[in-house]
Amino acid sequence: MHVLAVGYSDAYLAENAPAIRSNWPRVPLPSQLSLLTASASLGRELAGLLDVTQEIQGITADPAPPFDLVGRLARVGGGPISPGDLAVTVGWGFQNPQSGTMPGSGKVAMRSLSEEEVGLLQAIGQPDQNVADVFLNDELAWKSIPATVWEYKIGGHQVLKKWLSYREEAVLGRTLRIDEVREFTNLARRLTAIAHMRPALAQNYMNVKAHSALWMSS
């Protein structure tokens, strides 16, 4: 859990980019048990958010403000939504004969915050950002996704865009199910919670680095 917490620190990733690219990153071990315990606690919280089989109270289960705003599905101009409306048809993915499914440009609208959304971005410590409305098709969009969440990458891939690339109707061969629409919403909410953890993860890495154990070879 300590390694996971350190590995999700932006500062650690930047400082150790060459070692990570060569598949030989090193993780500092704190010299104080209290620091190790605190780091492991952050890692445990992060692990829960990354485990999509685990419901997170207040985020994916009974979402509380501000997470209840993130990724709500809505029709452009308002109105009801039926299961037959859930086809992904704006070019999020396509089949490449040589390399399989590839991401496309899709359709996303970046916009300034509404009054309601200001509190959302303040809650994750990024009040000056825009939000993204991410479209399934020309009529429906997942609303109010913070820009940092829309752009968030894991393993070099933009998580939400990658997910969509495999759900394009021409790739999937069908419209989305309601549970799949909710899965995208929950992914956006999980990533919003991870974005909220970024300052704590950064401070944790700085604490560990400042009090790292010294290793001596024999």
Protein backbone atom coordinates (compact mmCIF):
# COMPACT_ATOMS: atom_id res chain seq x y z
CA MET A 1 0.00 0.00 0.00
CA HIS A 2 2.94 2.34 0.68
CA VAL A 3 4.37 1.65 -2.78
CA LEU A 4 0.98 2.36 -4.36
CA ALA A 5 0.66 5.71 -2.56
CA VAL A 6 4.16 6.79 -3.58
CA GLY A 7 3.65 5.60 -7.16
CA TYR A 8 0.60 7.85 -7.56
CA SER A 9 2.44 11.00 -6.50
CA ASP A 10 2.90 13.37 -9.45
CA ALA A 11 6.25 14.49 -7.99
CA TYR A 12 7.51 10.91 -7.73
CA LEU A 13 6.46 10.16 -11.31
CA ALA A 14 8.20 13.29 -12.61
CA GLU A 15 11.40 12.78 -10.62
CA ASN A 16 11.70 9.10 -11.51
CA ALA A 17 10.46 9.12 -15.11
CA PRO A 18 13.65 7.59 -16.64
CA ALA A 19 13.67 4.70 -14.14
CA ILE A 20 9.95 4.11 -14.67
CA ARG A 21 10.40 4.04 -18.46
CA SER A 22 13.21 1.48 -18.12
CA ASN A 23 11.04 -0.61 -15.75
CA TRP A 24 13.40 -0.13 -12.80
CA PRO A 25 11.80 2.44 -10.48
CA ARG A 26 12.89 2.64 -6.85
CA VAL A 27 10.56 3.57 -4.03
CA PRO A 28 11.90 5.19 -0.84
CA LEU A 29 11.08 3.44 2.41
CA PRO A 30 10.53 5.81 5.34
CA SER A 31 12.72 5.45 8.39
CA GLN A 32 9.80 6.12 10.75
CA LEU A 33 6.97 3.66 11.33
CA SER A 34 4.43 6.49 11.64
CA LEU A 35 5.28 7.69 8.12
CA LEU A 36 5.03 4.18 6.70
CA THR A 37 1.65 3.67 8.37
CA ALA A 38 0.32 6.99 7.09
CA SER A 39 1.55 6.23 3.58
CA ALA A 40 0.00 2.76 3.63
CA SER A 41 -3.30 4.26 4.75
CA LEU A 42 -3.33 6.55 1.69
CA GLY A 43 -2.45 3.57 -0.48
CA ARG A 44 -5.33 1.57 0.96
CA GLU A 45 -7.75 4.40 0.18
CA LEU A 46 -6.36 4.64 -3.33
CA ALA A 47 -6.61 0.87 -3.84
CA GLY A 48 -10.31 1.01 -3.01
CA LEU A 49 -10.89 3.72 -5.58
CA LEU A 50 -9.00 1.75 -8.24
CA ASP A 51 -10.91 -1.47 -7.55
CA VAL A 52 -14.01 -1.10 -9.73
CA THR A 53 -15.61 -4.16 -8.10
CA GLN A 54 -15.70 -2.37 -4.73
CA GLU A 55 -18.46 0.14 -4.02
CA ILE A 56 -17.28 3.30 -2.29
CA GLN A 57 -19.82 4.89 0.03
CA GLY A 58 -20.47 8.52 -0.85
CA ILE A 59 -18.79 8.20 -4.25
CA THR A 60 -20.25 5.28 -6.21
CA ALA A 61 -22.83 4.23 -3.60
CA ASP A 62 -25.22 6.96 -2.45
CA PRO A 63 -22.96 9.67 -3.94
CA ALA A 64 -22.70 12.77 -1.80
CA PRO A 65 -21.83 16.31 -2.88
CA PRO A 66 -19.76 17.11 -4.82
CA PHE A 67 -19.46 13.64 -6.37
CA ASP A 68 -23.17 13.44 -7.18
CA LEU A 69 -22.65 16.17 -9.79
CA VAL A 70 -19.95 14.31 -11.72
CA GLY A 71 -20.88 12.37 -14.84
CA ARG A 72 -24.64 12.72 -14.73
CA LEU A 73 -26.22 11.59 -18.01
CA ALA A 74 -28.45 14.23 -19.61
CA ARG A 75 -30.12 14.96 -22.91
CA VAL A 76 -29.03 18.10 -24.73
CA GLY A 77 -31.80 20.62 -24.10
CA GLY A 78 -33.39 18.39 -21.45
CA GLY A 79 -35.97 15.66 -21.71
CA PRO A 80 -36.34 11.95 -20.87
CA ILE A 81 -33.87 9.22 -21.83
CA SER A 82 -34.83 5.71 -22.89
CA PRO A 83 -32.61 2.58 -23.13
CA GLY A 84 -32.72 2.78 -26.93
CA ASP A 85 -30.97 6.15 -26.84
CA LEU A 86 -27.66 4.83 -25.44
CA ALA A 87 -25.68 4.12 -28.61
CA VAL A 88 -22.13 5.56 -28.68
CA THR A 89 -21.86 7.02 -32.19
CA VAL A 90 -19.56 10.07 -32.14
CA GLY A 91 -16.32 8.37 -33.13
CA TRP A 92 -14.71 7.38 -29.84
CA GLY A 93 -13.18 4.24 -31.32
CA PHE A 94 -12.59 2.26 -34.50
CA GLN A 95 -11.18 -1.08 -35.56
CA ASN A 96 -7.70 -1.09 -37.06
CA PRO A 97 -6.85 -4.36 -38.88
CA GLN A 98 -3.22 -4.16 -37.75
CA SER A 99 -3.52 -2.96 -34.16
CA GLY A 100 -7.08 -3.70 -33.03
CA THR A 101 -9.34 -1.12 -31.40
CA MET A 102 -7.97 2.41 -31.57
CA PRO A 103 -9.28 5.57 -29.87
CA GLY A 104 -10.88 8.27 -31.98
CA SER A 105 -11.47 11.96 -31.38
CA GLY A 106 -15.06 11.54 -30.20
CA LYS A 107 -17.04 14.56 -29.04
CA VAL A 108 -16.33 16.48 -25.85
CA ALA A 109 -17.30 20.05 -24.97
CA MET A 110 -15.10 21.96 -22.53
CA ARG A 111 -16.91 24.82 -20.86
CA SER A 112 -16.71 27.19 -17.93
CA LEU A 113 -18.31 26.32 -14.62
CA SER A 114 -21.90 26.87 -13.69
CA GLU A 115 -22.60 28.26 -10.22
CA GLU A 116 -23.46 24.75 -9.04
CA GLU A 117 -20.18 23.34 -10.36
CA VAL A 118 -17.93 25.89 -8.65
CA GLY A 119 -18.29 23.96 -5.40
CA LEU A 120 -17.34 20.74 -7.18
CA LEU A 121 -13.96 22.02 -8.29
CA GLN A 122 -13.31 23.81 -5.02
CA ALA A 123 -13.89 20.48 -3.27
CA ILE A 124 -11.10 18.81 -5.26
CA GLY A 125 -8.78 21.77 -4.87
CA GLN A 126 -8.91 22.94 -8.49
CA PRO A 127 -11.43 25.78 -8.59
CA ASP A 128 -10.07 27.44 -11.75
CA GLN A 129 -10.62 24.53 -14.11
CA ASN A 130 -13.21 23.98 -16.81
CA VAL A 131 -15.51 20.99 -16.94
CA ALA A 132 -16.13 18.57 -19.78
CA ASP A 133 -19.43 17.32 -21.15
CA VAL A 134 -18.61 13.98 -22.77
CA PHE A 135 -21.01 12.84 -25.49
CA LEU A 136 -22.29 9.34 -26.22
CA ASN A 137 -24.01 10.63 -29.34
CA ASP A 138 -25.29 13.96 -30.56
CA GLU A 139 -28.19 13.90 -28.10
CA LEU A 140 -26.75 12.60 -24.80
CA ALA A 141 -23.75 13.53 -22.68
CA TRP A 142 -22.19 12.75 -19.31
CA LYS A 143 -22.03 16.17 -17.70
CA SER A 144 -19.77 18.06 -15.30
CA ILE A 145 -16.56 16.02 -15.51
CA PRO A 146 -13.62 18.14 -14.25
CA ALA A 147 -11.02 18.71 -16.98
CA THR A 148 -8.28 17.12 -14.86
CA VAL A 149 -10.46 14.02 -14.50
CA TRP A 150 -11.25 13.81 -18.21
CA GLU A 151 -7.52 14.05 -18.99
CA TYR A 152 -6.39 11.69 -16.21
CA LYS A 153 -4.03 8.93 -17.37
CA ILE A 154 -3.08 5.59 -15.87
CA GLY A 155 -0.35 3.58 -17.55
CA GLY A 156 -0.05 6.22 -20.24
CA HIS A 157 -3.69 5.92 -21.31
CA GLN A 158 -6.42 8.54 -20.88
CA VAL A 159 -8.73 6.40 -18.77
CA LEU A 160 -12.19 7.66 -19.73
CA LYS A 161 -11.37 8.08 -23.41
CA LYS A 162 -9.88 4.58 -23.54
CA TRP A 163 -13.04 3.16 -21.96
CA LEU A 164 -15.18 4.89 -24.58
CA SER A 165 -13.07 3.64 -27.49
CA TYR A 166 -14.23 0.07 -26.81
CA ARG A 167 -17.89 1.11 -26.47
CA GLU A 168 -18.35 2.81 -29.85
CA GLU A 169 -21.36 1.07 -31.42
CA ALA A 170 -19.37 0.09 -34.52
CA VAL A 171 -16.81 -1.63 -32.25
CA LEU A 172 -19.13 -3.05 -29.59
CA GLY A 173 -21.85 -4.10 -32.02
CA ARG A 174 -24.71 -2.80 -29.83
CA THR A 175 -25.91 0.11 -27.77
CA LEU A 176 -24.75 0.52 -24.17
CA ARG A 177 -26.70 -1.06 -21.35
CA ILE A 178 -27.88 1.09 -18.48
CA ASP A 179 -25.35 -0.51 -16.11
CA GLU A 180 -22.53 0.39 -18.55
CA VAL A 181 -23.67 4.02 -18.61
CA ARG A 182 -23.54 3.99 -14.81
CA GLU A 183 -20.10 2.37 -14.93
CA PHE A 184 -18.73 5.36 -16.86
CA THR A 185 -20.30 7.73 -14.34
CA ASN A 186 -18.73 5.78 -11.48
CA LEU A 187 -15.32 5.77 -13.20
CA ALA A 188 -15.50 9.55 -13.48
CA ARG A 189 -16.42 9.81 -9.80
CA ARG A 190 -13.59 7.49 -8.75
CA LEU A 191 -11.09 9.55 -10.73
CA THR A 192 -12.49 12.73 -9.19
CA ALA A 193 -11.81 11.25 -5.75
CA ILE A 194 -8.26 10.36 -6.84
CA ALA A 195 -7.79 13.93 -8.08
CA HIS A 196 -8.93 15.09 -4.65
CA MET A 197 -6.15 12.95 -3.13
CA ARG A 198 -3.36 14.49 -5.22
CA PRO A 199 -2.20 17.09 -2.66
CA ALA A 200 -2.12 14.46 0.11
CA LEU A 201 -0.22 12.02 -2.13
CA ALA A 202 2.29 14.74 -3.03
CA GLN A 203 2.86 15.67 0.62
CA ASN A 204 3.18 12.02 1.56
CA TYR A 205 5.96 11.51 -0.99
CA MET A 206 7.81 14.60 0.20
CA ASN A 207 7.60 13.36 3.82
CA VAL A 208 8.84 9.91 2.89
CA LYS A 209 11.66 11.28 0.75
CA ALA A 210 12.80 13.63 3.52
CA HIS A 211 12.92 10.77 6.06
CA SER A 212 13.92 7.82 3.91
CA ALA A 213 15.80 4.87 5.32
CA LEU A 214 19.43 4.50 4.23
CA TRP A 215 20.43 1.17 2.73
CA MET A 216 24.01 -0.08 2.84
CA SER A 217 25.33 -2.92 0.73
CA SER A 218 27.48 -5.53 2.48
